[in-house]
Amino acid sequence: MLANELISEAIPPLKESDSIQKALDRMDEFRVSHLPVISDDILLGLVSDDDLIEVADFDMLLKSADISYSRVSLQHNQHIYDVIKVFGESHLTVLPVLDENRQYLGVINMNTVVDRLASIASIKEPGGIIVLEMDNRNNSLAHIAQIVESESAQILSSYITSHIDSTRTEVTIKVNRTEISGILASLGRYDYHIIATYNENKEQSGTGDRYDQLMNYLSI
């Protein structure tokens, strides 16, 4: 899934001829804290509500206001994982998308990314979640998949979380069964260290909730 497939058509850009008040009203309407400003389909940058509310006269036009623009943008052919990374690094609520000629195509709303991520990561599918901790050199997803399949189950999605200055890695898998006791027993027989399990009925470990798992996914 690429950036141009994630564009939110409902959010229009601002123009330099728009007033501060119009920009703030539009941010409030779409519940975002940033909006792109364009001129003849060329991106000038992103403005933030924090900067706009500092302007004394809300009737002032954007082109006349002393505000700084963020220059962060995405290319139309960047993968959704790149999109997630830029969102995480920039802490913006929308990201502008440009074509190969640097012309403005539209913006991506973070909410759209979360919805699409839920579909490609099988987050919406019923199943159980298992978090394993293992040595960096022994995180074979192929072997884990074999163990899961030996219990007549399948891995719907997986991701790896590495920690700085650590030789340990967390591997999170989602399987297509909510009853995962057999899978856990099989993983235990191969000395896999299970640090958390989740299913649709209750959380069986105190290491975090599903929101934390999603946030970990977004930080890859």
N, C-alpha and C. Protein backbone atom coordinates (compact mmCIF):
# COMPACT_ATOMS: atom_id res chain seq x y z
N MET A 1 0.85 -1.19 0.00
CA MET A 1 0.00 0.00 0.00
C MET A 1 0.89 1.25 0.00
N LEU A 2 0.64 2.16 -0.93
CA LEU A 2 1.48 3.33 -1.12
C LEU A 2 0.79 4.61 -0.63
N ALA A 3 1.60 5.65 -0.51
CA ALA A 3 1.11 6.92 0.05
C ALA A 3 -0.06 7.49 -0.75
N ASN A 4 -0.01 7.39 -2.07
CA ASN A 4 -1.09 7.98 -2.87
C ASN A 4 -2.42 7.25 -2.70
N GLU A 5 -2.39 6.03 -2.14
CA GLU A 5 -3.62 5.30 -1.87
C GLU A 5 -4.21 5.67 -0.52
N LEU A 6 -3.51 6.45 0.26
CA LEU A 6 -3.94 6.81 1.61
C LEU A 6 -4.44 8.24 1.71
N ILE A 7 -4.45 8.95 0.61
CA ILE A 7 -4.82 10.38 0.62
C ILE A 7 -6.26 10.56 1.06
N SER A 8 -6.48 11.52 1.95
CA SER A 8 -7.83 11.85 2.43
C SER A 8 -8.40 12.94 1.54
N GLU A 9 -9.28 12.56 0.65
CA GLU A 9 -9.84 13.51 -0.31
C GLU A 9 -10.68 14.59 0.36
N ALA A 10 -11.17 14.32 1.56
CA ALA A 10 -12.09 15.25 2.22
C ALA A 10 -11.39 16.49 2.77
N ILE A 11 -10.07 16.44 2.96
CA ILE A 11 -9.36 17.56 3.59
C ILE A 11 -8.71 18.43 2.52
N PRO A 12 -9.25 19.62 2.30
CA PRO A 12 -8.67 20.51 1.28
C PRO A 12 -7.48 21.29 1.84
N PRO A 13 -6.56 21.72 0.99
CA PRO A 13 -5.43 22.52 1.45
C PRO A 13 -5.83 23.98 1.66
N LEU A 14 -4.97 24.69 2.34
CA LEU A 14 -5.15 26.14 2.51
C LEU A 14 -4.40 26.88 1.41
N LYS A 15 -4.80 28.14 1.20
CA LYS A 15 -4.10 29.02 0.27
C LYS A 15 -3.54 30.21 1.05
N GLU A 16 -2.55 30.84 0.48
CA GLU A 16 -1.96 32.01 1.15
C GLU A 16 -2.96 33.13 1.35
N SER A 17 -4.01 33.14 0.53
CA SER A 17 -5.03 34.17 0.63
C SER A 17 -6.07 33.87 1.71
N ASP A 18 -5.97 32.72 2.36
CA ASP A 18 -6.89 32.38 3.45
C ASP A 18 -6.47 33.10 4.73
N SER A 19 -7.44 33.38 5.56
CA SER A 19 -7.16 34.07 6.83
C SER A 19 -6.75 33.07 7.91
N ILE A 20 -6.16 33.60 8.95
CA ILE A 20 -5.81 32.78 10.11
C ILE A 20 -7.06 32.11 10.67
N GLN A 21 -8.16 32.87 10.75
CA GLN A 21 -9.40 32.32 11.29
C GLN A 21 -9.91 31.16 10.44
N LYS A 22 -9.83 31.31 9.13
CA LYS A 22 -10.29 30.23 8.25
C LYS A 22 -9.45 28.98 8.44
N ALA A 23 -8.16 29.16 8.60
CA ALA A 23 -7.27 28.02 8.81
C ALA A 23 -7.60 27.31 10.11
N LEU A 24 -7.83 28.08 11.17
CA LEU A 24 -8.16 27.47 12.46
C LEU A 24 -9.51 26.78 12.42
N ASP A 25 -10.48 27.39 11.73
CA ASP A 25 -11.81 26.78 11.61
C ASP A 25 -11.72 25.45 10.86
N ARG A 26 -10.90 25.42 9.82
CA ARG A 26 -10.78 24.19 9.04
C ARG A 26 -10.08 23.10 9.85
N MET A 27 -9.09 23.47 10.63
CA MET A 27 -8.43 22.49 11.49
C MET A 27 -9.42 21.93 12.50
N ASP A 28 -10.24 22.79 13.04
CA ASP A 28 -11.25 22.35 14.00
C ASP A 28 -12.27 21.43 13.32
N GLU A 29 -12.65 21.76 12.11
CA GLU A 29 -13.64 20.96 11.39
C GLU A 29 -13.15 19.54 11.14
N PHE A 30 -11.88 19.40 10.77
CA PHE A 30 -11.34 18.08 10.44
C PHE A 30 -10.56 17.46 11.61
N ARG A 31 -10.54 18.16 12.74
CA ARG A 31 -9.91 17.66 13.96
C ARG A 31 -8.44 17.30 13.74
N VAL A 32 -7.74 18.22 13.14
CA VAL A 32 -6.30 18.07 12.92
C VAL A 32 -5.61 19.31 13.47
N SER A 33 -4.32 19.20 13.70
CA SER A 33 -3.54 20.33 14.22
C SER A 33 -2.63 20.95 13.19
N HIS A 34 -2.64 20.39 11.97
CA HIS A 34 -1.79 20.89 10.90
C HIS A 34 -2.56 20.84 9.59
N LEU A 35 -2.23 21.76 8.68
CA LEU A 35 -2.81 21.75 7.34
C LEU A 35 -1.77 22.27 6.35
N PRO A 36 -1.80 21.75 5.12
CA PRO A 36 -0.86 22.22 4.10
C PRO A 36 -1.32 23.55 3.50
N VAL A 37 -0.36 24.35 3.10
CA VAL A 37 -0.63 25.58 2.36
C VAL A 37 0.01 25.42 0.99
N ILE A 38 -0.77 25.67 -0.06
CA ILE A 38 -0.25 25.49 -1.42
C ILE A 38 -0.42 26.77 -2.24
N SER A 39 0.34 26.84 -3.32
CA SER A 39 0.21 27.93 -4.28
C SER A 39 0.43 27.34 -5.67
N ASP A 40 -0.61 27.36 -6.51
CA ASP A 40 -0.54 26.78 -7.85
C ASP A 40 -0.05 25.33 -7.82
N ASP A 41 -0.64 24.55 -6.91
CA ASP A 41 -0.33 23.12 -6.76
C ASP A 41 1.08 22.84 -6.27
N ILE A 42 1.75 23.85 -5.78
CA ILE A 42 3.07 23.68 -5.19
C ILE A 42 2.94 23.81 -3.68
N LEU A 43 3.47 22.84 -2.96
CA LEU A 43 3.39 22.86 -1.50
C LEU A 43 4.35 23.91 -0.93
N LEU A 44 3.79 24.83 -0.14
CA LEU A 44 4.62 25.81 0.55
C LEU A 44 5.07 25.27 1.91
N GLY A 45 4.22 24.43 2.50
CA GLY A 45 4.56 23.84 3.79
C GLY A 45 3.30 23.60 4.61
N LEU A 46 3.52 23.13 5.83
CA LEU A 46 2.42 22.87 6.76
C LEU A 46 2.41 23.93 7.84
N VAL A 47 1.21 24.40 8.19
CA VAL A 47 1.05 25.32 9.31
C VAL A 47 0.42 24.56 10.47
N SER A 48 0.73 24.97 11.69
CA SER A 48 0.18 24.32 12.88
C SER A 48 -0.73 25.27 13.63
N ASP A 49 -1.69 24.71 14.35
CA ASP A 49 -2.60 25.55 15.13
C ASP A 49 -1.86 26.28 16.24
N ASP A 50 -0.79 25.66 16.78
CA ASP A 50 -0.02 26.33 17.82
C ASP A 50 0.59 27.64 17.33
N ASP A 51 1.06 27.65 16.09
CA ASP A 51 1.65 28.88 15.53
C ASP A 51 0.56 29.90 15.19
N LEU A 52 -0.57 29.40 14.67
CA LEU A 52 -1.63 30.31 14.24
C LEU A 52 -2.26 31.07 15.40
N ILE A 53 -2.44 30.40 16.53
CA ILE A 53 -3.10 31.08 17.65
C ILE A 53 -2.22 32.15 18.28
N GLU A 54 -0.94 32.16 17.90
CA GLU A 54 -0.03 33.19 18.41
C GLU A 54 -0.15 34.50 17.63
N VAL A 55 -0.83 34.45 16.48
CA VAL A 55 -1.02 35.66 15.67
C VAL A 55 -2.09 36.53 16.32
N ALA A 56 -1.80 37.80 16.48
CA ALA A 56 -2.71 38.70 17.21
C ALA A 56 -4.02 38.92 16.46
N ASP A 57 -3.95 39.06 15.14
CA ASP A 57 -5.14 39.37 14.34
C ASP A 57 -5.55 38.16 13.51
N PHE A 58 -6.66 37.52 13.88
CA PHE A 58 -7.11 36.32 13.17
C PHE A 58 -7.67 36.64 11.78
N ASP A 59 -7.87 37.91 11.48
CA ASP A 59 -8.32 38.29 10.14
C ASP A 59 -7.15 38.43 9.17
N MET A 60 -5.96 38.36 9.69
CA MET A 60 -4.77 38.49 8.84
C MET A 60 -4.67 37.28 7.91
N LEU A 61 -4.18 37.54 6.68
CA LEU A 61 -4.00 36.47 5.72
C LEU A 61 -2.72 35.68 6.03
N LEU A 62 -2.71 34.44 5.64
CA LEU A 62 -1.55 33.60 5.90
C LEU A 62 -0.28 34.18 5.30
N LYS A 63 -0.40 34.76 4.09
CA LYS A 63 0.79 35.29 3.42
C LYS A 63 1.36 36.51 4.14
N SER A 64 0.55 37.14 4.98
CA SER A 64 1.01 38.33 5.70
C SER A 64 1.47 38.03 7.12
N ALA A 65 1.18 36.82 7.58
CA ALA A 65 1.50 36.47 8.96
C ALA A 65 2.94 35.97 9.08
N ASP A 66 3.54 36.25 10.21
CA ASP A 66 4.91 35.82 10.47
C ASP A 66 4.87 34.43 11.13
N ILE A 67 4.67 33.42 10.29
CA ILE A 67 4.59 32.05 10.79
C ILE A 67 5.54 31.18 9.98
N SER A 68 6.01 30.13 10.62
CA SER A 68 6.95 29.23 9.94
C SER A 68 6.20 28.01 9.41
N TYR A 69 6.67 27.47 8.30
CA TYR A 69 6.08 26.30 7.68
C TYR A 69 6.97 25.07 7.91
N SER A 70 6.34 23.96 8.22
CA SER A 70 7.06 22.69 8.25
C SER A 70 7.20 22.18 6.83
N ARG A 71 8.38 21.68 6.47
CA ARG A 71 8.64 21.24 5.09
C ARG A 71 8.54 19.72 4.93
N VAL A 72 8.01 19.03 5.90
CA VAL A 72 7.90 17.57 5.83
C VAL A 72 6.87 17.19 4.77
N SER A 73 7.21 16.20 3.96
CA SER A 73 6.28 15.72 2.93
C SER A 73 6.63 14.29 2.57
N LEU A 74 5.75 13.65 1.80
CA LEU A 74 5.94 12.29 1.34
C LEU A 74 5.90 12.25 -0.18
N GLN A 75 6.62 11.30 -0.76
CA GLN A 75 6.49 11.03 -2.18
C GLN A 75 5.31 10.08 -2.39
N HIS A 76 4.66 10.19 -3.51
CA HIS A 76 3.44 9.44 -3.77
C HIS A 76 3.65 7.93 -3.76
N ASN A 77 4.88 7.47 -4.02
CA ASN A 77 5.14 6.04 -4.12
C ASN A 77 5.81 5.45 -2.89
N GLN A 78 5.79 6.17 -1.76
CA GLN A 78 6.36 5.64 -0.54
C GLN A 78 5.40 4.63 0.10
N HIS A 79 5.97 3.58 0.69
CA HIS A 79 5.19 2.51 1.29
C HIS A 79 4.54 2.99 2.59
N ILE A 80 3.47 2.31 2.99
CA ILE A 80 2.77 2.68 4.21
C ILE A 80 3.69 2.61 5.43
N TYR A 81 4.67 1.72 5.43
CA TYR A 81 5.60 1.67 6.55
C TYR A 81 6.44 2.94 6.63
N ASP A 82 6.81 3.49 5.47
CA ASP A 82 7.52 4.77 5.46
C ASP A 82 6.62 5.88 5.98
N VAL A 83 5.34 5.82 5.59
CA VAL A 83 4.37 6.82 6.06
C VAL A 83 4.28 6.80 7.58
N ILE A 84 4.18 5.60 8.15
CA ILE A 84 4.10 5.45 9.60
C ILE A 84 5.35 6.00 10.26
N LYS A 85 6.51 5.71 9.68
CA LYS A 85 7.77 6.19 10.24
C LYS A 85 7.82 7.71 10.27
N VAL A 86 7.41 8.36 9.18
CA VAL A 86 7.44 9.82 9.12
C VAL A 86 6.45 10.42 10.12
N PHE A 87 5.27 9.82 10.24
CA PHE A 87 4.32 10.29 11.25
C PHE A 87 4.93 10.21 12.65
N GLY A 88 5.59 9.09 12.94
CA GLY A 88 6.18 8.91 14.26
C GLY A 88 7.30 9.88 14.55
N GLU A 89 8.10 10.19 13.53
CA GLU A 89 9.24 11.09 13.72
C GLU A 89 8.83 12.56 13.76
N SER A 90 7.80 12.91 13.00
CA SER A 90 7.43 14.32 12.85
C SER A 90 6.38 14.78 13.85
N HIS A 91 5.59 13.83 14.39
CA HIS A 91 4.49 14.15 15.31
C HIS A 91 3.47 15.09 14.67
N LEU A 92 3.29 14.96 13.36
CA LEU A 92 2.28 15.74 12.65
C LEU A 92 0.97 14.97 12.60
N THR A 93 -0.14 15.68 12.39
CA THR A 93 -1.45 15.02 12.31
C THR A 93 -1.86 14.75 10.87
N VAL A 94 -1.24 15.42 9.92
CA VAL A 94 -1.42 15.13 8.50
C VAL A 94 -0.07 15.23 7.81
N LEU A 95 0.05 14.54 6.69
CA LEU A 95 1.27 14.62 5.89
C LEU A 95 0.91 14.86 4.43
N PRO A 96 1.52 15.87 3.80
CA PRO A 96 1.25 16.13 2.39
C PRO A 96 1.95 15.11 1.50
N VAL A 97 1.32 14.80 0.37
CA VAL A 97 1.87 13.85 -0.59
C VAL A 97 2.15 14.59 -1.90
N LEU A 98 3.34 14.37 -2.46
CA LEU A 98 3.76 15.04 -3.69
C LEU A 98 4.01 14.02 -4.79
N ASP A 99 3.85 14.45 -6.04
CA ASP A 99 4.15 13.56 -7.16
C ASP A 99 5.63 13.68 -7.53
N GLU A 100 6.01 13.01 -8.62
CA GLU A 100 7.42 13.00 -9.02
C GLU A 100 7.94 14.37 -9.42
N ASN A 101 7.03 15.30 -9.72
CA ASN A 101 7.42 16.67 -10.06
C ASN A 101 7.28 17.63 -8.89
N ARG A 102 7.11 17.05 -7.71
CA ARG A 102 6.97 17.82 -6.46
C ARG A 102 5.68 18.63 -6.42
N GLN A 103 4.69 18.25 -7.19
CA GLN A 103 3.40 18.93 -7.13
C GLN A 103 2.51 18.26 -6.09
N TYR A 104 1.67 19.09 -5.49
CA TYR A 104 0.83 18.63 -4.38
C TYR A 104 -0.29 17.73 -4.88
N LEU A 105 -0.47 16.57 -4.22
CA LEU A 105 -1.54 15.64 -4.56
C LEU A 105 -2.64 15.59 -3.51
N GLY A 106 -2.29 15.79 -2.25
CA GLY A 106 -3.27 15.72 -1.17
C GLY A 106 -2.57 15.43 0.15
N VAL A 107 -3.37 15.17 1.19
CA VAL A 107 -2.79 14.89 2.50
C VAL A 107 -3.25 13.53 3.00
N ILE A 108 -2.43 12.96 3.86
CA ILE A 108 -2.79 11.73 4.56
C ILE A 108 -3.09 12.08 6.01
N ASN A 109 -4.25 11.64 6.47
CA ASN A 109 -4.66 11.82 7.86
C ASN A 109 -4.21 10.60 8.66
N MET A 110 -3.70 10.83 9.87
CA MET A 110 -3.22 9.72 10.68
C MET A 110 -4.32 8.69 10.93
N ASN A 111 -5.56 9.13 11.06
CA ASN A 111 -6.66 8.19 11.29
C ASN A 111 -6.82 7.22 10.14
N THR A 112 -6.59 7.70 8.92
CA THR A 112 -6.67 6.83 7.75
C THR A 112 -5.59 5.76 7.80
N VAL A 113 -4.40 6.15 8.23
CA VAL A 113 -3.30 5.20 8.32
C VAL A 113 -3.62 4.10 9.33
N VAL A 114 -4.18 4.48 10.47
CA VAL A 114 -4.51 3.50 11.50
C VAL A 114 -5.56 2.52 10.97
N ASP A 115 -6.57 3.02 10.26
CA ASP A 115 -7.61 2.15 9.69
C ASP A 115 -7.01 1.18 8.68
N ARG A 116 -6.16 1.68 7.79
CA ARG A 116 -5.57 0.81 6.77
C ARG A 116 -4.60 -0.18 7.40
N LEU A 117 -3.86 0.27 8.40
CA LEU A 117 -2.93 -0.61 9.09
C LEU A 117 -3.68 -1.76 9.76
N ALA A 118 -4.84 -1.45 10.31
CA ALA A 118 -5.65 -2.48 10.96
C ALA A 118 -6.04 -3.57 9.98
N SER A 119 -6.25 -3.20 8.72
CA SER A 119 -6.67 -4.18 7.73
C SER A 119 -5.49 -5.01 7.24
N ILE A 120 -4.34 -4.38 7.00
CA ILE A 120 -3.21 -5.15 6.47
C ILE A 120 -2.51 -5.95 7.55
N ALA A 121 -2.64 -5.55 8.82
CA ALA A 121 -1.98 -6.27 9.91
C ALA A 121 -2.91 -7.26 10.58
N SER A 122 -4.10 -7.48 10.00
CA SER A 122 -5.08 -8.44 10.53
C SER A 122 -5.51 -8.08 11.95
N ILE A 123 -5.44 -6.81 12.30
CA ILE A 123 -5.83 -6.40 13.64
C ILE A 123 -7.32 -6.61 13.86
N LYS A 124 -8.11 -6.45 12.80
CA LYS A 124 -9.56 -6.59 12.93
C LYS A 124 -10.00 -8.05 12.94
N GLU A 125 -9.11 -8.96 12.54
CA GLU A 125 -9.47 -10.37 12.49
C GLU A 125 -9.49 -10.96 13.90
N PRO A 126 -10.42 -11.88 14.19
CA PRO A 126 -10.41 -12.54 15.50
C PRO A 126 -9.18 -13.42 15.64
N GLY A 127 -8.67 -13.52 16.86
CA GLY A 127 -7.50 -14.35 17.09
C GLY A 127 -6.82 -14.02 18.39
N GLY A 128 -5.73 -14.70 18.65
CA GLY A 128 -4.95 -14.47 19.86
C GLY A 128 -3.61 -13.86 19.53
N ILE A 129 -3.05 -13.15 20.51
CA ILE A 129 -1.76 -12.47 20.34
C ILE A 129 -0.78 -13.05 21.34
N ILE A 130 0.41 -13.36 20.85
CA ILE A 130 1.47 -13.92 21.69
C ILE A 130 2.72 -13.08 21.52
N VAL A 131 3.32 -12.67 22.63
CA VAL A 131 4.56 -11.89 22.61
C VAL A 131 5.67 -12.76 23.17
N LEU A 132 6.71 -12.97 22.37
CA LEU A 132 7.85 -13.79 22.75
C LEU A 132 9.09 -12.92 22.91
N GLU A 133 9.97 -13.32 23.80
CA GLU A 133 11.27 -12.66 23.93
C GLU A 133 12.35 -13.68 23.65
N MET A 134 13.31 -13.29 22.83
CA MET A 134 14.37 -14.23 22.47
C MET A 134 15.64 -13.48 22.10
N ASP A 135 16.70 -14.24 21.97
CA ASP A 135 17.98 -13.66 21.57
C ASP A 135 17.90 -13.17 20.13
N ASN A 136 18.59 -12.08 19.83
CA ASN A 136 18.56 -11.51 18.48
C ASN A 136 18.93 -12.51 17.40
N ARG A 137 19.79 -13.45 17.73
CA ARG A 137 20.28 -14.40 16.73
C ARG A 137 19.32 -15.57 16.53
N ASN A 138 18.32 -15.69 17.37
CA ASN A 138 17.45 -16.87 17.31
C ASN A 138 15.99 -16.54 17.06
N ASN A 139 15.73 -15.42 16.41
CA ASN A 139 14.33 -15.01 16.19
C ASN A 139 13.81 -15.49 14.83
N SER A 140 13.80 -16.81 14.66
CA SER A 140 13.38 -17.40 13.39
C SER A 140 11.87 -17.46 13.31
N LEU A 141 11.29 -16.61 12.47
CA LEU A 141 9.85 -16.63 12.28
C LEU A 141 9.40 -17.92 11.61
N ALA A 142 10.27 -18.50 10.77
CA ALA A 142 9.91 -19.74 10.08
C ALA A 142 9.69 -20.87 11.08
N HIS A 143 10.57 -20.94 12.09
CA HIS A 143 10.41 -21.99 13.10
C HIS A 143 9.17 -21.77 13.94
N ILE A 144 8.92 -20.50 14.30
CA ILE A 144 7.72 -20.19 15.08
C ILE A 144 6.47 -20.54 14.29
N ALA A 145 6.49 -20.25 12.99
CA ALA A 145 5.34 -20.57 12.13
C ALA A 145 5.10 -22.07 12.08
N GLN A 146 6.17 -22.84 12.04
CA GLN A 146 6.03 -24.30 12.01
C GLN A 146 5.36 -24.81 13.28
N ILE A 147 5.74 -24.23 14.42
CA ILE A 147 5.14 -24.64 15.69
C ILE A 147 3.66 -24.29 15.71
N VAL A 148 3.32 -23.08 15.27
CA VAL A 148 1.92 -22.67 15.24
C VAL A 148 1.11 -23.56 14.31
N GLU A 149 1.66 -23.85 13.15
CA GLU A 149 0.95 -24.69 12.18
C GLU A 149 0.79 -26.12 12.67
N SER A 150 1.72 -26.59 13.52
CA SER A 150 1.59 -27.94 14.07
C SER A 150 0.39 -28.06 15.00
N GLU A 151 -0.14 -26.90 15.44
CA GLU A 151 -1.33 -26.87 16.28
C GLU A 151 -2.57 -26.50 15.47
N SER A 152 -2.47 -26.71 14.16
CA SER A 152 -3.58 -26.45 13.23
C SER A 152 -4.04 -24.99 13.27
N ALA A 153 -3.09 -24.10 13.40
CA ALA A 153 -3.37 -22.66 13.40
C ALA A 153 -2.44 -21.99 12.40
N GLN A 154 -2.68 -20.71 12.16
CA GLN A 154 -1.86 -19.94 11.24
C GLN A 154 -1.53 -18.58 11.85
N ILE A 155 -0.38 -18.05 11.46
CA ILE A 155 0.00 -16.69 11.87
C ILE A 155 -0.64 -15.70 10.91
N LEU A 156 -1.44 -14.79 11.45
CA LEU A 156 -2.09 -13.77 10.63
C LEU A 156 -1.16 -12.59 10.37
N SER A 157 -0.39 -12.21 11.37
CA SER A 157 0.56 -11.11 11.23
C SER A 157 1.62 -11.23 12.30
N SER A 158 2.73 -10.54 12.08
CA SER A 158 3.82 -10.57 13.05
C SER A 158 4.66 -9.31 12.92
N TYR A 159 5.34 -8.97 13.99
CA TYR A 159 6.33 -7.89 13.91
C TYR A 159 7.36 -8.08 15.00
N ILE A 160 8.51 -7.46 14.78
CA ILE A 160 9.65 -7.60 15.69
C ILE A 160 9.96 -6.24 16.30
N THR A 161 10.18 -6.22 17.60
CA THR A 161 10.57 -5.00 18.31
C THR A 161 11.96 -5.20 18.89
N SER A 162 12.92 -4.42 18.40
CA SER A 162 14.29 -4.48 18.92
C SER A 162 14.52 -3.34 19.90
N HIS A 163 15.28 -3.61 20.93
CA HIS A 163 15.57 -2.61 21.95
C HIS A 163 17.02 -2.18 21.85
N ILE A 164 17.25 -0.88 21.95
CA ILE A 164 18.61 -0.33 21.88
C ILE A 164 19.44 -0.87 23.04
N ASP A 165 20.69 -1.19 22.74
CA ASP A 165 21.63 -1.67 23.75
C ASP A 165 21.15 -2.95 24.42
N SER A 166 20.48 -3.81 23.65
CA SER A 166 20.01 -5.08 24.19
C SER A 166 20.20 -6.16 23.14
N THR A 167 20.53 -7.36 23.60
CA THR A 167 20.67 -8.50 22.69
C THR A 167 19.36 -9.28 22.60
N ARG A 168 18.32 -8.78 23.25
CA ARG A 168 17.03 -9.45 23.25
C ARG A 168 16.06 -8.77 22.29
N THR A 169 15.19 -9.56 21.73
CA THR A 169 14.20 -9.07 20.77
C THR A 169 12.82 -9.58 21.16
N GLU A 170 11.80 -8.74 20.98
CA GLU A 170 10.43 -9.17 21.18
C GLU A 170 9.80 -9.48 19.83
N VAL A 171 9.19 -10.64 19.72
CA VAL A 171 8.47 -11.04 18.51
C VAL A 171 7.00 -11.19 18.87
N THR A 172 6.16 -10.40 18.22
CA THR A 172 4.72 -10.45 18.46
C THR A 172 4.04 -11.11 17.27
N ILE A 173 3.24 -12.13 17.56
CA ILE A 173 2.50 -12.80 16.49
C ILE A 173 1.01 -12.79 16.82
N LYS A 174 0.20 -12.71 15.79
CA LYS A 174 -1.24 -12.87 15.94
C LYS A 174 -1.64 -14.12 15.18
N VAL A 175 -2.36 -15.02 15.85
CA VAL A 175 -2.79 -16.27 15.24
C VAL A 175 -4.30 -16.27 15.06
N ASN A 176 -4.78 -17.16 14.23
CA ASN A 176 -6.19 -17.16 13.87
C ASN A 176 -7.06 -17.99 14.83
N ARG A 177 -6.59 -18.12 16.07
CA ARG A 177 -7.37 -18.82 17.09
C ARG A 177 -7.35 -18.04 18.38
N THR A 178 -8.48 -17.98 19.07
CA THR A 178 -8.52 -17.32 20.37
C THR A 178 -8.14 -18.28 21.49
N GLU A 179 -8.33 -19.57 21.27
CA GLU A 179 -7.90 -20.59 22.22
C GLU A 179 -6.46 -20.98 21.87
N ILE A 180 -5.52 -20.45 22.62
CA ILE A 180 -4.10 -20.58 22.23
C ILE A 180 -3.30 -21.40 23.22
N SER A 181 -3.95 -22.10 24.14
CA SER A 181 -3.21 -22.85 25.17
C SER A 181 -2.31 -23.91 24.54
N GLY A 182 -2.80 -24.60 23.48
CA GLY A 182 -1.99 -25.61 22.82
C GLY A 182 -0.75 -25.01 22.17
N ILE A 183 -0.93 -23.85 21.54
CA ILE A 183 0.20 -23.17 20.90
C ILE A 183 1.23 -22.75 21.95
N LEU A 184 0.75 -22.24 23.07
CA LEU A 184 1.65 -21.81 24.14
C LEU A 184 2.45 -23.00 24.69
N ALA A 185 1.76 -24.14 24.84
CA ALA A 185 2.44 -25.32 25.34
C ALA A 185 3.52 -25.78 24.37
N SER A 186 3.22 -25.75 23.08
CA SER A 186 4.21 -26.16 22.08
C SER A 186 5.40 -25.21 22.05
N LEU A 187 5.14 -23.91 22.13
CA LEU A 187 6.23 -22.94 22.16
C LEU A 187 7.09 -23.15 23.41
N GLY A 188 6.45 -23.46 24.53
CA GLY A 188 7.18 -23.72 25.76
C GLY A 188 8.08 -24.93 25.66
N ARG A 189 7.64 -25.96 24.92
CA ARG A 189 8.47 -27.16 24.76
C ARG A 189 9.76 -26.87 24.01
N TYR A 190 9.72 -25.81 23.18
CA TYR A 190 10.92 -25.40 22.45
C TYR A 190 11.67 -24.26 23.16
N ASP A 191 11.32 -24.07 24.42
CA ASP A 191 12.01 -23.08 25.28
C ASP A 191 11.86 -21.64 24.82
N TYR A 192 10.77 -21.34 24.13
CA TYR A 192 10.49 -19.93 23.82
C TYR A 192 9.97 -19.24 25.07
N HIS A 193 10.47 -18.05 25.32
CA HIS A 193 10.07 -17.28 26.50
C HIS A 193 8.85 -16.43 26.17
N ILE A 194 7.70 -16.80 26.72
CA ILE A 194 6.45 -16.08 26.45
C ILE A 194 6.28 -15.00 27.52
N ILE A 195 6.25 -13.75 27.10
CA ILE A 195 6.15 -12.67 28.08
C ILE A 195 4.76 -12.05 28.16
N ALA A 196 3.90 -12.33 27.16
CA ALA A 196 2.53 -11.79 27.22
C ALA A 196 1.65 -12.55 26.25
N THR A 197 0.38 -12.71 26.61
CA THR A 197 -0.61 -13.26 25.70
C THR A 197 -1.88 -12.45 25.80
N TYR A 198 -2.60 -12.34 24.70
CA TYR A 198 -3.86 -11.60 24.66
C TYR A 198 -4.84 -12.39 23.81
N ASN A 199 -6.09 -12.36 24.19
CA ASN A 199 -7.12 -12.89 23.31
C ASN A 199 -8.34 -12.00 23.40
N GLU A 200 -9.43 -12.37 22.75
CA GLU A 200 -10.60 -11.49 22.67
C GLU A 200 -11.40 -11.48 23.95
N ASN A 201 -11.10 -12.40 24.87
CA ASN A 201 -11.88 -12.47 26.09
C ASN A 201 -11.25 -11.69 27.23
N LYS A 202 -9.95 -11.86 27.41
CA LYS A 202 -9.28 -11.13 28.48
C LYS A 202 -7.80 -11.06 28.21
N GLU A 203 -7.15 -10.16 28.88
CA GLU A 203 -5.70 -10.03 28.79
C GLU A 203 -5.11 -10.91 29.87
N GLN A 204 -4.10 -11.72 29.51
CA GLN A 204 -3.56 -12.68 30.45
C GLN A 204 -2.20 -12.27 30.99
N SER A 205 -1.77 -11.05 30.71
CA SER A 205 -0.49 -10.59 31.22
C SER A 205 -0.56 -9.11 31.49
N GLY A 206 0.26 -8.62 32.41
CA GLY A 206 0.21 -7.21 32.77
C GLY A 206 1.20 -6.36 32.04
N THR A 207 1.72 -6.80 30.92
CA THR A 207 2.77 -6.03 30.24
C THR A 207 2.23 -4.95 29.33
N GLY A 208 0.92 -4.83 29.15
CA GLY A 208 0.39 -3.77 28.30
C GLY A 208 -0.95 -4.17 27.74
N ASP A 209 -1.59 -3.27 27.01
CA ASP A 209 -2.87 -3.58 26.39
C ASP A 209 -2.75 -3.51 24.88
N ARG A 210 -3.87 -3.71 24.20
CA ARG A 210 -3.81 -3.74 22.74
C ARG A 210 -3.38 -2.39 22.16
N TYR A 211 -3.72 -1.31 22.84
CA TYR A 211 -3.28 0.00 22.36
C TYR A 211 -1.76 0.06 22.37
N ASP A 212 -1.14 -0.45 23.43
CA ASP A 212 0.32 -0.45 23.50
C ASP A 212 0.90 -1.28 22.36
N GLN A 213 0.25 -2.40 22.05
CA GLN A 213 0.75 -3.23 20.96
C GLN A 213 0.69 -2.47 19.63
N LEU A 214 -0.41 -1.74 19.40
CA LEU A 214 -0.52 -0.97 18.17
C LEU A 214 0.52 0.12 18.12
N MET A 215 0.75 0.80 19.25
CA MET A 215 1.76 1.85 19.28
C MET A 215 3.15 1.28 19.02
N ASN A 216 3.42 0.07 19.54
CA ASN A 216 4.68 -0.56 19.23
C ASN A 216 4.81 -0.84 17.75
N TYR A 217 3.71 -1.25 17.13
CA TYR A 217 3.72 -1.52 15.68
C TYR A 217 4.02 -0.23 14.92
N LEU A 218 3.42 0.87 15.36
CA LEU A 218 3.62 2.14 14.67
C LEU A 218 5.04 2.65 14.81
N SER A 219 5.79 2.14 15.79
CA SER A 219 7.14 2.64 16.02
C SER A 219 8.21 1.86 15.27
N ILE A 220 7.79 0.88 14.40
CA ILE A 220 8.79 0.09 13.69
C ILE A 220 9.49 0.95 12.65
